[in-house]
Amino acid sequence: MLGLSLSPDDLIRSFGTIGLILIIFAESGLLIGFFLPGDSLLFFTGFLTSSAAREDPTFSQFAEHIPSIWIVLICLAAAAIIGDQVGYWFGKKVGPSLFTRPNSRLFKQENVAKAHLFFERHGPRSIVLARFVPIVRTFTPIVAGIGEMRYRTFVIYNVAGGLLWAVGITTLGHFLGEIEFFRKNIEVAIIAVILVSLIPVAVELYRSRKHKRAGKDALAASMARTESGQKGEPEA
């Protein structure tokens, strides 16, 4: 957008640590943040905090913009959690009118619909699971606010999801940065981490569909037994 590159290295070089924090905050709960590359940015940031990456001439020019791993983890986790909180309160304030808002360059109704379906399917767990699904993670806290999800429940799942996402992916990048293979194949490493991070979501979707199918089969069996019993009853 506006000629800005969204690659993690360009974003870090252009905006530094403060920009990184704002990007994670925006993607976590602001409508305009859905297009930002949160997963790859977290991983690459963690990667740059490793001592090996800082000493590598290829990455040292980016690493100089990033503080120590502990400062990074605290700031990114806070940004992710606060971002979702803002999204929740925004949804609570705006209410169902968001579902009738016209499309624009930065807002698409289909994104809200995807997040709503995801929330309806997984309930409170969607606050954690959505962290690992691009676009959906931006709109899910807003949908939770619109649906007036119990605030205490939202906070618990928000903190858990924010820590798993921001701290988990960043820490993984930090440790993989010490391995030469990943330093030489950073793009492959980023893609692999994103795919692995989607595994819990895929498992949850499979379980949800399996339970839904089992419920339909149980209902069909119950109806069949009822009809069979009715046919077997003697006429008065």
Protein backbone atom coordinates (compact mmCIF):
# COMPACT_ATOMS: atom_id res chain seq x y z
CA MET A 1 0.00 0.00 0.00
CA LEU A 2 1.35 3.45 -1.04
CA GLY A 3 4.47 1.73 -2.37
CA LEU A 4 5.45 0.37 1.06
CA SER A 5 7.09 -3.05 1.09
CA LEU A 6 5.59 -5.43 3.63
CA SER A 7 8.60 -7.75 3.81
CA PRO A 8 9.79 -8.17 7.43
CA ASP A 9 13.32 -6.92 6.71
CA ASP A 10 12.09 -3.72 5.02
CA LEU A 11 9.59 -3.02 7.79
CA ILE A 12 12.22 -3.43 10.51
CA ARG A 13 14.77 -1.34 8.64
CA SER A 14 12.22 1.40 7.92
CA PHE A 15 10.40 1.63 11.26
CA GLY A 16 12.63 -0.03 13.87
CA THR A 17 11.41 -1.39 17.20
CA ILE A 18 8.66 1.19 17.75
CA GLY A 19 7.22 0.52 14.32
CA LEU A 20 7.38 -3.21 14.95
CA ILE A 21 5.38 -2.85 18.17
CA LEU A 22 2.78 -0.66 16.46
CA ILE A 23 2.41 -3.16 13.61
CA ILE A 24 1.73 -6.06 15.99
CA PHE A 25 -0.71 -3.86 17.92
CA ALA A 26 -2.55 -2.85 14.73
CA GLU A 27 -2.78 -6.38 13.35
CA SER A 28 -4.18 -7.66 16.64
CA GLY A 29 -7.29 -5.53 16.76
CA LEU A 30 -7.47 -2.56 14.40
CA LEU A 31 -9.53 -2.90 11.23
CA ILE A 32 -6.73 -1.41 9.14
CA GLY A 33 -4.15 -3.93 10.35
CA PHE A 34 -5.45 -7.10 8.71
CA PHE A 35 -2.97 -6.99 5.78
CA LEU A 36 0.17 -6.78 7.94
CA PRO A 37 2.60 -9.78 8.05
CA GLY A 38 2.46 -10.58 11.77
CA ASP A 39 3.72 -14.17 11.77
CA SER A 40 6.75 -13.61 9.56
CA LEU A 41 7.55 -10.34 11.32
CA LEU A 42 7.55 -12.01 14.75
CA PHE A 43 9.74 -14.84 13.56
CA PHE A 44 12.21 -12.59 11.77
CA THR A 45 12.43 -10.28 14.78
CA GLY A 46 13.22 -13.21 17.08
CA PHE A 47 15.70 -14.46 14.52
CA LEU A 48 17.53 -11.11 14.61
CA THR A 49 17.91 -11.23 18.41
CA SER A 50 20.06 -14.37 18.20
CA SER A 51 23.79 -13.82 18.68
CA ALA A 52 24.62 -15.68 15.48
CA ALA A 53 22.32 -13.49 13.37
CA ARG A 54 23.78 -10.32 14.93
CA GLU A 55 27.27 -11.44 13.93
CA ASP A 56 26.26 -12.46 10.43
CA PRO A 57 27.00 -9.66 7.93
CA THR A 58 23.83 -10.49 6.02
CA PHE A 59 21.57 -9.73 8.99
CA SER A 60 23.60 -7.38 11.21
CA GLN A 61 22.24 -4.32 9.37
CA PHE A 62 18.72 -5.32 10.50
CA ALA A 63 19.69 -6.66 13.92
CA GLU A 64 21.12 -3.32 14.98
CA HIS A 65 17.56 -1.96 15.07
CA ILE A 66 16.38 -4.64 17.54
CA PRO A 67 17.02 -4.68 21.34
CA SER A 68 17.60 -7.81 23.46
CA ILE A 69 15.24 -10.78 23.28
CA TRP A 70 13.67 -10.10 26.69
CA ILE A 71 12.74 -6.52 25.83
CA VAL A 72 11.38 -7.70 22.49
CA LEU A 73 9.24 -10.44 24.06
CA ILE A 74 7.74 -8.13 26.68
CA CYS A 75 6.96 -5.37 24.17
CA LEU A 76 5.49 -7.67 21.51
CA ALA A 77 3.36 -9.63 23.97
CA ALA A 78 2.01 -6.38 25.42
CA ALA A 79 1.28 -5.03 21.94
CA ALA A 80 -0.58 -8.20 20.93
CA ILE A 81 -2.66 -8.35 24.12
CA ILE A 82 -3.50 -4.63 24.20
CA GLY A 83 -4.35 -4.73 20.49
CA ASP A 84 -6.96 -7.44 21.07
CA GLN A 85 -8.35 -5.50 24.04
CA VAL A 86 -8.82 -2.45 21.84
CA GLY A 87 -10.48 -4.61 19.20
CA TYR A 88 -12.88 -6.04 21.78
CA TRP A 89 -13.94 -2.61 23.06
CA PHE A 90 -14.26 -1.31 19.52
CA GLY A 91 -16.60 -4.18 18.66
CA LYS A 92 -18.58 -3.62 21.84
CA LYS A 93 -18.98 0.06 21.04
CA VAL A 94 -19.76 -0.28 17.33
CA GLY A 95 -22.06 -3.27 17.76
CA PRO A 96 -23.86 -5.15 14.96
CA SER A 97 -23.74 -2.08 12.69
CA LEU A 98 -20.29 -3.28 11.61
CA PHE A 99 -21.98 -6.10 9.68
CA THR A 100 -23.74 -3.53 7.47
CA ARG A 101 -20.76 -1.23 6.95
CA PRO A 102 -20.04 -0.73 3.22
CA ASN A 103 -16.86 -2.12 1.69
CA SER A 104 -13.89 0.17 1.21
CA ARG A 105 -10.22 -0.13 0.28
CA LEU A 106 -9.27 -1.26 3.80
CA PHE A 107 -12.53 -2.90 4.87
CA LYS A 108 -14.23 -5.95 3.40
CA GLN A 109 -17.42 -7.48 4.73
CA GLU A 110 -16.14 -10.94 3.84
CA ASN A 111 -13.35 -10.56 6.43
CA VAL A 112 -15.87 -9.82 9.18
CA ALA A 113 -18.00 -12.75 8.01
CA LYS A 114 -15.00 -15.13 8.16
CA ALA A 115 -14.16 -14.01 11.69
CA HIS A 116 -17.80 -14.30 12.78
CA LEU A 117 -18.05 -17.84 11.42
CA PHE A 118 -14.75 -18.75 13.10
CA PHE A 119 -16.00 -17.34 16.41
CA GLU A 120 -19.36 -19.10 16.16
CA ARG A 121 -17.65 -22.41 15.40
CA HIS A 122 -15.01 -22.36 18.15
CA GLY A 123 -16.44 -20.10 20.87
CA PRO A 124 -13.96 -18.61 23.38
CA ARG A 125 -11.13 -20.78 22.03
CA SER A 126 -11.29 -18.78 18.81
CA ILE A 127 -9.53 -15.91 20.61
CA VAL A 128 -6.46 -18.15 20.93
CA LEU A 129 -6.77 -20.05 17.64
CA ALA A 130 -7.38 -16.92 15.56
CA ARG A 131 -3.95 -15.61 16.54
CA PHE A 132 -2.47 -18.05 14.04
CA VAL A 133 -4.86 -17.28 11.18
CA PRO A 134 -4.06 -14.17 9.10
CA ILE A 135 -6.93 -11.67 8.68
CA VAL A 136 -9.16 -13.67 11.06
CA ARG A 137 -6.94 -12.70 14.02
CA THR A 138 -7.65 -9.01 13.36
CA PHE A 139 -11.42 -9.31 13.27
CA THR A 140 -12.08 -12.03 15.88
CA PRO A 141 -11.66 -9.80 19.00
CA ILE A 142 -13.94 -7.24 17.34
CA VAL A 143 -16.58 -9.92 16.71
CA ALA A 144 -16.19 -11.06 20.35
CA GLY A 145 -16.97 -7.52 21.45
CA ILE A 146 -19.98 -7.31 19.15
CA GLY A 147 -21.26 -10.60 20.57
CA GLU A 148 -20.72 -9.26 24.11
CA MET A 149 -18.51 -12.15 25.12
CA ARG A 150 -17.99 -12.15 28.88
CA TYR A 151 -15.10 -9.75 29.48
CA ARG A 152 -13.30 -11.86 32.08
CA THR A 153 -13.37 -14.86 29.73
CA PHE A 154 -12.10 -12.74 26.87
CA VAL A 155 -9.19 -11.40 28.93
CA ILE A 156 -8.08 -14.91 29.94
CA TYR A 157 -8.10 -16.23 26.37
CA ASN A 158 -6.61 -13.00 25.04
CA VAL A 159 -3.62 -13.17 27.38
CA ALA A 160 -3.10 -16.86 26.62
CA GLY A 161 -3.33 -16.32 22.88
CA GLY A 162 -1.14 -13.22 22.92
CA LEU A 163 1.62 -15.03 24.80
CA LEU A 164 1.45 -18.15 22.63
CA TRP A 165 1.57 -16.13 19.43
CA ALA A 166 3.91 -13.24 20.16
CA VAL A 167 6.24 -14.95 22.61
CA GLY A 168 6.08 -18.41 21.01
CA ILE A 169 6.87 -17.47 17.41
CA THR A 170 9.44 -14.83 18.39
CA THR A 171 11.25 -17.24 20.73
CA LEU A 172 11.27 -19.91 18.05
CA GLY A 173 12.89 -17.46 15.65
CA HIS A 174 15.50 -16.59 18.29
CA PHE A 175 16.63 -20.19 18.77
CA LEU A 176 16.51 -21.13 15.10
CA GLY A 177 18.68 -18.11 14.38
CA GLU A 178 21.55 -19.94 16.07
CA ILE A 179 21.38 -22.71 13.46
CA GLU A 180 23.36 -22.09 10.28
CA PHE A 181 20.91 -23.93 8.02
CA PHE A 182 18.07 -21.57 8.96
CA ARG A 183 20.27 -18.48 8.64
CA LYS A 184 21.05 -19.50 5.06
CA ASN A 185 17.41 -20.38 4.29
CA ILE A 186 15.47 -17.74 6.23
CA GLU A 187 12.57 -17.56 3.73
CA VAL A 188 12.05 -21.32 3.92
CA ALA A 189 12.22 -21.19 7.71
CA ILE A 190 9.56 -18.47 7.88
CA ILE A 191 7.18 -20.39 5.62
CA ALA A 192 7.75 -23.60 7.60
CA VAL A 193 7.04 -21.87 10.92
CA ILE A 194 3.83 -20.32 9.59
CA LEU A 195 2.65 -23.72 8.34
CA VAL A 196 3.50 -25.39 11.65
CA SER A 197 1.68 -22.65 13.56
CA LEU A 198 -1.47 -23.51 11.62
CA ILE A 199 -1.46 -27.13 12.82
CA PRO A 200 -3.45 -26.44 16.04
CA VAL A 201 -6.09 -24.63 13.97
CA ALA A 202 -6.28 -27.50 11.49
CA VAL A 203 -6.63 -30.03 14.32
CA GLU A 204 -9.38 -27.97 15.92
CA LEU A 205 -11.24 -27.66 12.62
CA TYR A 206 -11.01 -31.43 12.11
CA ARG A 207 -12.28 -32.12 15.63
CA SER A 208 -15.09 -29.64 15.23
CA ARG A 209 -16.26 -31.20 11.98
CA LYS A 210 -15.92 -34.68 13.42
CA HIS A 211 -18.08 -33.81 16.44
CA LYS A 212 -20.59 -32.07 14.20
CA ARG A 213 -20.82 -35.14 11.96
CA ALA A 214 -21.16 -37.42 15.00
CA GLY A 215 -23.96 -35.22 16.30
CA LYS A 216 -25.82 -35.43 13.01
CA ASP A 217 -25.42 -39.22 12.93
CA ALA A 218 -26.69 -39.51 16.51
CA LEU A 219 -29.69 -37.32 15.69
CA ALA A 220 -30.48 -39.37 12.58
CA ALA A 221 -30.22 -42.62 14.55
CA SER A 222 -32.48 -41.23 17.27
CA MET A 223 -35.10 -40.16 14.72
CA ALA A 224 -34.92 -43.58 13.04
CA ARG A 225 -35.52 -45.33 16.38
CA THR A 226 -38.45 -43.01 17.10
CA GLU A 227 -40.04 -43.69 13.73
CA SER A 228 -39.47 -47.42 14.15
CA GLY A 229 -41.14 -47.34 17.55
CA GLN A 230 -44.11 -45.42 16.23
CA LYS A 231 -44.62 -47.94 13.43
CA GLY A 232 -44.47 -50.82 15.88
CA GLU A 233 -47.17 -49.40 18.16
CA PRO A 234 -50.55 -51.17 17.83
CA GLU A 235 -53.42 -49.03 16.58
CA ALA A 236 -56.02 -48.10 19.21
